[in-house]
Protein backbone atom coordinates (compact mmCIF):
# COMPACT_ATOMS: atom_id res chain seq x y z
CA MET A 1 -6.19 9.46 -6.11
CA LYS A 2 -6.39 7.99 -2.63
CA VAL A 3 -4.27 8.90 0.23
CA VAL A 4 -3.77 6.47 3.10
CA SER A 5 -1.64 7.60 6.12
CA ILE A 6 0.30 5.39 8.60
CA LEU A 7 0.43 7.52 11.68
CA SER A 8 1.40 7.13 15.20
CA GLN A 9 3.30 9.37 17.61
CA LYS A 10 4.92 6.52 19.16
CA GLY A 11 8.19 5.14 17.52
CA GLY A 12 8.86 1.44 16.76
CA VAL A 13 5.34 0.40 16.07
CA GLY A 14 5.79 -0.70 12.50
CA LYS A 15 4.81 2.51 10.40
CA THR A 16 7.38 2.06 7.82
CA THR A 17 7.12 -1.54 7.48
CA THR A 18 3.22 -1.41 7.04
CA ALA A 19 3.54 1.38 4.46
CA ILE A 20 6.11 -0.19 2.26
CA ASN A 21 4.30 -3.68 2.35
CA LEU A 22 1.07 -2.05 1.52
CA ALA A 23 2.55 -0.18 -1.32
CA VAL A 24 4.07 -3.23 -2.93
CA ALA A 25 0.66 -4.94 -2.36
CA ALA A 26 -1.02 -2.04 -4.22
CA GLU A 27 1.39 -2.48 -7.13
CA ALA A 28 0.51 -6.07 -7.34
CA ASP A 29 -2.98 -4.87 -7.67
CA ASN A 30 -2.12 -2.78 -10.81
CA LYS A 31 -2.22 0.55 -8.92
CA THR A 32 0.41 3.10 -9.55
CA THR A 33 1.70 3.67 -6.19
CA ALA A 34 3.98 6.00 -4.08
CA VAL A 35 5.24 6.24 -0.55
CA PHE A 36 5.84 9.74 0.93
CA ASP A 37 8.38 9.37 3.67
CA LEU A 38 7.74 12.23 6.35
CA ASP A 39 10.05 10.54 9.05
CA PRO A 40 13.34 12.36 9.56
CA GLN A 41 14.86 8.94 10.10
CA ALA A 42 13.93 8.28 6.39
CA THR A 43 13.76 4.42 6.82
CA ALA A 44 11.35 3.88 4.02
CA SER A 45 13.93 5.88 1.73
CA PHE A 46 16.73 3.68 2.97
CA TRP A 47 14.62 0.63 2.05
CA LYS A 48 14.17 2.15 -1.44
CA ASP A 49 17.93 2.76 -1.72
CA ILE A 50 18.78 -0.91 -1.47
CA ARG A 51 15.86 -2.10 -3.47
CA GLU A 52 16.63 -3.49 -6.94
CA LYS A 53 13.25 -2.67 -8.36
CA ASP A 54 12.43 0.83 -9.60
CA THR A 55 8.95 0.89 -7.94
CA PRO A 56 7.15 1.86 -5.70
CA ALA A 57 8.18 5.37 -5.78
CA VAL A 58 9.49 6.45 -2.34
CA VAL A 59 10.03 10.15 -1.68
CA SER A 60 11.48 11.80 1.45
CA ILE A 61 9.89 14.99 1.96
CA GLN A 62 9.14 17.64 4.55
CA ALA A 63 5.62 17.91 5.72
CA VAL A 64 5.18 21.49 4.49
CA ARG A 65 5.68 20.11 1.01
CA LEU A 66 3.11 17.37 1.40
CA GLU A 67 0.18 19.12 -0.43
CA ALA A 68 2.21 20.21 -3.46
CA MET A 69 3.78 16.78 -3.71
CA LEU A 70 0.29 15.13 -3.61
CA LYS A 71 -0.79 17.51 -6.36
CA SER A 72 2.14 16.44 -8.47
CA ALA A 73 1.52 12.79 -7.79
CA LYS A 74 -2.22 13.21 -8.84
CA GLU A 75 -1.14 14.97 -12.03
CA ALA A 76 1.44 12.09 -12.79
CA GLY A 77 -1.69 9.62 -12.49
CA THR A 78 -0.71 7.97 -9.24
CA ASP A 79 -3.64 5.85 -7.99
CA ILE A 80 -2.69 5.61 -4.19
CA VAL A 81 -0.28 7.29 -1.92
CA PHE A 82 0.85 5.89 1.35
CA ILE A 83 2.18 8.41 3.91
CA ASP A 84 4.74 7.19 6.39
CA GLY A 85 4.43 9.48 9.29
CA ALA A 86 6.89 10.58 11.84
CA ALA A 87 6.90 9.55 15.67
CA VAL A 88 6.36 12.30 18.07
CA ALA A 89 5.80 15.15 15.86
CA ARG A 90 2.16 16.23 16.36
CA ASP A 91 2.33 18.92 13.58
CA ILE A 92 3.39 16.33 10.95
CA ALA A 93 0.53 13.98 12.04
CA TYR A 94 -1.77 16.88 11.82
CA LEU A 95 -0.79 17.92 8.30
CA ALA A 96 -0.84 14.27 7.06
CA ALA A 97 -4.29 13.52 8.46
CA ALA A 98 -5.61 16.63 6.87
CA VAL A 99 -4.87 15.32 3.27
CA SER A 100 -5.81 11.64 4.01
CA ASP A 101 -8.75 9.66 2.92
CA TYR A 102 -8.07 6.95 5.57
CA ILE A 103 -5.69 6.59 8.60
CA LEU A 104 -4.13 3.43 9.89
CA ILE A 105 -2.71 3.67 13.32
CA PRO A 106 -0.40 0.80 14.17
CA THR A 107 0.46 -0.12 17.85
CA ARG A 108 2.07 -2.82 19.72
CA THR A 109 0.08 -4.74 22.21
CA ALA A 110 1.79 -3.33 25.15
CA VAL A 111 -0.24 -1.17 27.41
CA PHE A 112 1.94 1.87 27.21
CA ASP A 113 2.10 1.69 23.38
CA THR A 114 -1.65 1.50 23.17
CA MET A 115 -2.12 4.30 25.54
CA SER A 116 0.27 6.54 23.33
CA MET A 117 -2.37 6.34 20.47
CA THR A 118 -4.59 8.84 22.07
CA HIS A 119 -3.07 11.89 20.52
CA THR A 120 -3.07 10.38 16.98
CA MET A 121 -6.70 9.35 17.43
CA SER A 122 -7.66 12.79 18.57
CA ILE A 123 -5.97 14.30 15.37
CA ALA A 124 -7.98 11.86 13.12
CA LYS A 125 -11.27 12.62 14.96
CA GLU A 126 -10.66 16.41 14.85
CA GLN A 127 -10.08 16.32 11.19
CA GLY A 128 -13.01 13.91 10.51
CA ILE A 129 -10.95 11.25 8.82
CA PRO A 130 -11.90 7.67 9.12
CA PHE A 131 -9.39 5.50 10.81
CA THR A 132 -8.67 2.13 12.32
CA VAL A 133 -6.13 0.74 14.84
CA LEU A 134 -3.74 -1.96 13.68
CA LEU A 135 -2.44 -4.25 16.18
CA ASN A 136 1.21 -4.94 15.11
CA PHE A 137 3.88 -7.19 16.39
CA VAL A 138 1.22 -9.33 17.89
CA PRO A 139 2.70 -12.22 19.91
CA PRO A 140 1.47 -15.92 19.11
CA ALA A 141 -0.06 -16.29 22.52
CA GLY A 142 -0.80 -14.57 25.70
CA GLN A 143 -3.24 -12.08 27.33
CA GLU A 144 -1.72 -8.96 25.85
CA THR A 145 -3.59 -9.02 22.70
CA ARG A 146 -6.92 -9.30 24.35
CA ASP A 147 -5.94 -6.53 26.77
CA ALA A 148 -5.06 -4.33 23.76
CA GLU A 149 -8.20 -4.89 22.11
CA ARG A 150 -10.25 -3.97 25.32
CA MET A 151 -8.22 -0.90 25.71
CA VAL A 152 -8.74 0.25 22.03
CA GLU A 153 -12.46 -0.58 22.32
CA SER A 154 -12.65 1.60 25.59
CA MET A 155 -11.19 4.44 23.60
CA GLY A 156 -14.19 4.24 21.08
CA ALA A 157 -11.86 3.19 18.10
CA GLU A 158 -12.30 0.42 15.49
CA ILE A 159 -9.84 -2.35 15.60
CA CYS A 160 -8.64 -3.53 12.13
CA PRO A 161 -9.79 -7.19 11.79
CA ILE A 162 -6.42 -8.02 10.42
CA LYS A 163 -3.55 -8.56 12.94
CA ILE A 164 0.17 -8.36 12.09
CA GLY A 165 2.27 -10.97 13.91
CA ASN A 166 5.72 -10.58 15.35
CA ARG A 167 7.52 -12.35 12.45
CA LYS A 168 11.22 -12.35 11.54
CA SER A 169 10.36 -12.23 7.93
CA TYR A 170 9.15 -8.78 8.06
CA PHE A 171 12.55 -7.49 9.16
CA ARG A 172 14.51 -9.84 6.79
CA ALA A 173 12.43 -8.65 3.89
CA GLN A 174 13.02 -4.94 4.84
CA SER A 175 16.77 -5.36 5.22
CA THR A 176 16.95 -6.72 1.67
CA GLY A 177 14.83 -4.10 -0.11
CA LEU A 178 11.87 -6.44 -0.49
CA ALA A 179 8.33 -6.50 0.76
CA VAL A 180 7.40 -9.44 2.92
CA GLN A 181 5.25 -10.85 0.09
CA GLU A 182 8.26 -10.76 -2.30
CA TYR A 183 10.64 -12.30 0.29
CA GLU A 184 8.37 -15.18 1.34
CA PRO A 185 5.33 -15.26 -0.99
CA ASP A 186 3.61 -18.09 0.68
CA GLY A 187 4.53 -17.20 4.20
CA LYS A 188 2.12 -16.09 6.94
CA ALA A 189 3.15 -12.70 6.85
CA ALA A 190 2.52 -12.38 3.08
CA ILE A 191 -1.05 -13.51 3.75
CA GLU A 192 -1.31 -10.80 6.61
CA ILE A 193 -0.27 -8.10 4.22
CA LYS A 194 -2.68 -9.25 1.49
CA ARG A 195 -5.59 -9.32 3.91
CA LEU A 196 -4.63 -5.97 5.36
CA TYR A 197 -4.36 -4.37 1.82
CA LYS A 198 -7.82 -5.76 0.77
CA PHE A 199 -9.31 -4.31 4.05
CA ILE A 200 -7.75 -0.83 3.09
CA CYS A 201 -9.30 -1.06 -0.26
CA MET A 202 -12.63 -1.92 1.14
CA SER A 203 -12.35 1.13 3.26
CA VAL A 204 -11.28 3.49 0.67
CA TYR A 205 -12.77 2.33 -2.52
CA SER A 206 -16.27 1.26 -3.61
CA ASN A 207 -16.72 -2.44 -3.73
CA GLU A 208 -16.70 -2.48 -7.64
CA GLU A 209 -13.01 -1.31 -7.40
CA VAL A 210 -11.78 -3.84 -4.95
CA THR A 211 -9.74 -6.54 -6.96
CA ALA A 212 -7.33 -7.79 -4.59
């Protein structure tokens, strides 16, 4: 079983949106999938409450229960777990990082959002867990994206080659209990998520196991 954490101590950077869309992408790849919602706001859990489909499993848990829940998930035959981290709480990020195979750190392209990643990056480095920075809510044009890339590079971090655009379809899909690739299968957002999922697979699985 693989564990991918979406972590950032900055709120509003798209952790939950990324987690639920990747989970649905994993299901489309015939993987048994779960989302562990560590955020006290429980946004992923609210998404599941309005979702008409039974899967993916979404469980709201406290961080102290994380290891026990992962053990149960593994025993149940789960292939991949996505952890939706909480903002601000360094202790939660630390516990999630410790059990992860890979960490995705989403950020907006604004300077202060990018600067706020430093604590999350230091946790990943301290734990020795591979990670990459995901540029999220990327505007269609402007200097901000390149500025954010330069800042991330100056921090010595890898930038995910897939960028997630600032698209209304992400919010519309989430509000209806859908992933964006279910809401608008042929849209640009769906293509982004499929590419991001493939990148994650290439990072956590051997090439022979990548089928997306």
